[in-house]
Amino acid sequence: MEVWRAVIIVVVVVGSSVTVTVTTAAETETLNGTTLWTDSEAFKVEMENWFNGSPKWMLKNLPLEMLDGDGDGGGGDGDSDDGDDDSLRIPSLEWRDVQGAYLPSTDSNIVYNQQCRQDVDTFLTIMENPELALLIKDVFWLLFMPDSWGKLPDGILYGNIRPWGVMEECTIINVDNNISLPFGNNISFESSFQGRYCLVTWYQGQQEDEEQFPIPNTKHLTRLGLGMGVLPYVSYGTCMPSTCTAEDLQVSIEALRGNDSDLQVDCYVKDEEKTLYTWDIVFTVFLAVLGTLLFLASVVDISINHFDKQHFRKGPIRFVLVFSAYNNLRKIFHHNTKEGPEMISCLHGIRVLSMCWIVWGHTYAFMANISMNWMHIPKLTDDLLEQTIAGAVFGVDTFFFMSGLLVTYGLLKQFAKTKRINWIMYYVHRFIRLTPPILVTAAFMATLSRYTQVGPLSKQIERTAIQNCRSYWWIDVFYISNFMGLGKGVGLPWMGVVTLLSVMIPMIITGVNSLGTSAIAFAPVPEIDTYTAPWYRASAYLVGMWGGLLLHHFRDRELKLKVWQGVLGWVLATTVGMLLVYGMVDYNTLADPDPIPQGVSIAFDGFSRGSWALVVLWVVLACHKGYGGPINAFLAHPCWQPISRLTYCIFLTSIPIQNLYLGTQYILIYMNHLNEVGEADLSFIFFMSKHQENF
């Protein structure tokens, strides 16, 4: 056994010595200065060609060891067909050179943690003297630790610049050794630690605004407080003894390459305990009570049906039965096949398809943060399919349109029946109906969601998405940004003025500030919010209100259109819709985009969302009044109804789930269209399995 252990250590450990492949004399000179960081001019030029900008900040953050992936020092036995040209020989770094990159420094002037310095020194001493491993009862941790480090053997120029290593390989390490060598050897090992995995990250430009770090300043994106901000662009994983802290590694890196305020080190150990806060306990108790209530109500509901005691439903027990999962699931999956003037059946299909469009588009935005092929992303944005994905911004406007349409149509129908509208009860009813799912989702994100975070990005998700939700949950719960609910009667002149303003205000803001249009998905985020601001979205809602008024007008009347009028309506709606989604193809790309004229930006921001809402209005009106043909048969099919009833909760939970999904990933993904469809499906499945209680 001892012989076998010696063979493992001598062959594997020595064979995996940390070395660096250097191919030119100019690059060799970098070893005389900062020995661990690349500065290749060829690499710079290549990156500039890809990124259309200087990647200098990125280059300085890649340890040179990562460039060696063959495990033999890159130089084999040193033989070369090029004679004795020293400029082509491959110098090697010693094991102690990994300090300040993969391990904390053993210098007491840099790291004050004595136990950390001792354990790092133990590891390095054994790696320098593999024969010492014969005295260690468990030698495999010596292999696991460097093997779990992030390295970049392949695809650097294609964007694989975030080598996370293998987190779980690191965290399974458990060392307990007490060794003292006899015969005058002044070597003593007494180490007891676990593996601590660390993700070392640089944030580009985060420190320009102190409010952006560590929590991004994204208050205008606080739909459930989930503005994510800028995720890491350059990062790598490493493994060190658990006796060392993130601060020990960070000061070691800064000592080697200079103090860098953009640097962040996040570390993890196996089964790391998380503090259970008061609100965590409160929400856990709430879920337990809610789960018990759902179960008991379901049992009572099933028992009433089984024993045919329907009269019990009229007593006090009816207040319990509203929580019956059995009855609520039956309602969710019920297919209503009745047709009538009050049933706008095509809205079911529109809801589901629009929500799938939105979730699919968001998936690309989120998954780009864990992509290993950044350089491929410009190619993904330069085809027709990508314009479909980028056009998902109009899917959001579809929901604004439907909200305005249904609210107006419902209120006018109520007014026609009762000749009055109780505005106080209307808003109380809306608040009671809409707020519970928001509260549950926000409470979960602010409390228990951090227990789902197990991957390298988990602490970054906690600092951004989860912390933002803790800080700004009240914005959503109390509808602070909902300017439009003024609680006044509907007046056609007032609606006309507001509709006109909803077109003019975006045009004025875009023109005065020389902004690009908000429809360009692949452009720097402007300082002025052009995406979530209500005055940029109001036109779609207002067109929906006009649509509700129109539907109510034809509620008991027949809409008579000639064949050519119906065909013309569909041709115009299709043409306008296609132009809105695909008309910006030359500007909406990362691969050589054309500069967008300011006049185009102004016109597009002013008219695009209202125009899209008019397209959807035609679809609804034509389908509802008998001019939809096969399109109505498709959109009004009963199969859409179950998911359609869940779209509000999907809207609330899709972004939180996609944020949390990032924090559960241990490895990077390869980003292409097919994979993104799969990732969107996974998000939906996770939603269906984890958030049923919201329904």
Foldseek 3Di string as FASTA:
>chain_A
DLVVQLCCLVVQLVLQFQAAQAAFPVQVVVCVALNFFGDDPVLQVLVCVLQVDGPVVLRRQHTRSLQDDPSRNVQNVQDDPVPPPPRGTTDTDQLLSCDLPFAFHLDCVQFVLNLQSQQVVVLSVCSVPVVVLSQAPDNCLNVLFVQQWFHHHDDVSQQQQARAGFQVSQQVAWGADWDDDDDPPPDTDGDTFGKKKKKKFFFPPQVVPVVCPPAHPPPLPPLLLAPQPGFGRHIIMGIGTPSDDQSSSQSRNCVSVNDDPRIDMDMDHPPDDDDADPLLVVLVVVVVVLVVLQVVLQVVVVVCVVVVVVVCCPDPCVVSNVSHPVVVLCVLLDFDPDDDLVPLLLVLLLLVVLLLLLLLLVLVVLQCSQASRVSCQLVQLQDDVNLSSLLSLLSVLQVLLQVLQVVLLVVVVVCVVVVDDDLVVVVVVVLVVQQPLLVSQLSCLQHVLLVLFDANCSVSLCSYRNVSSVVPSCCNNVVVLVVPPPSDDDDVVVLVVLLLQLLQVQLVVCLVVVHAAPSQPPDDQDPDDLRSRCSLSVNSNSLSNVLNVVSNVCSVHADDDDPVRLVVLLVVLVVLVCCLSCVLSQQNGPPNRDDDDSVVRSNCSRCVSNSNSVSVSSCSVCLSRPNNPVSNVVSSPSVSRSVSVCSSSCVSCSSVLSSSVVSNDHHGDHDDSVVSVVVSVVSVVCCVVPPPSSD
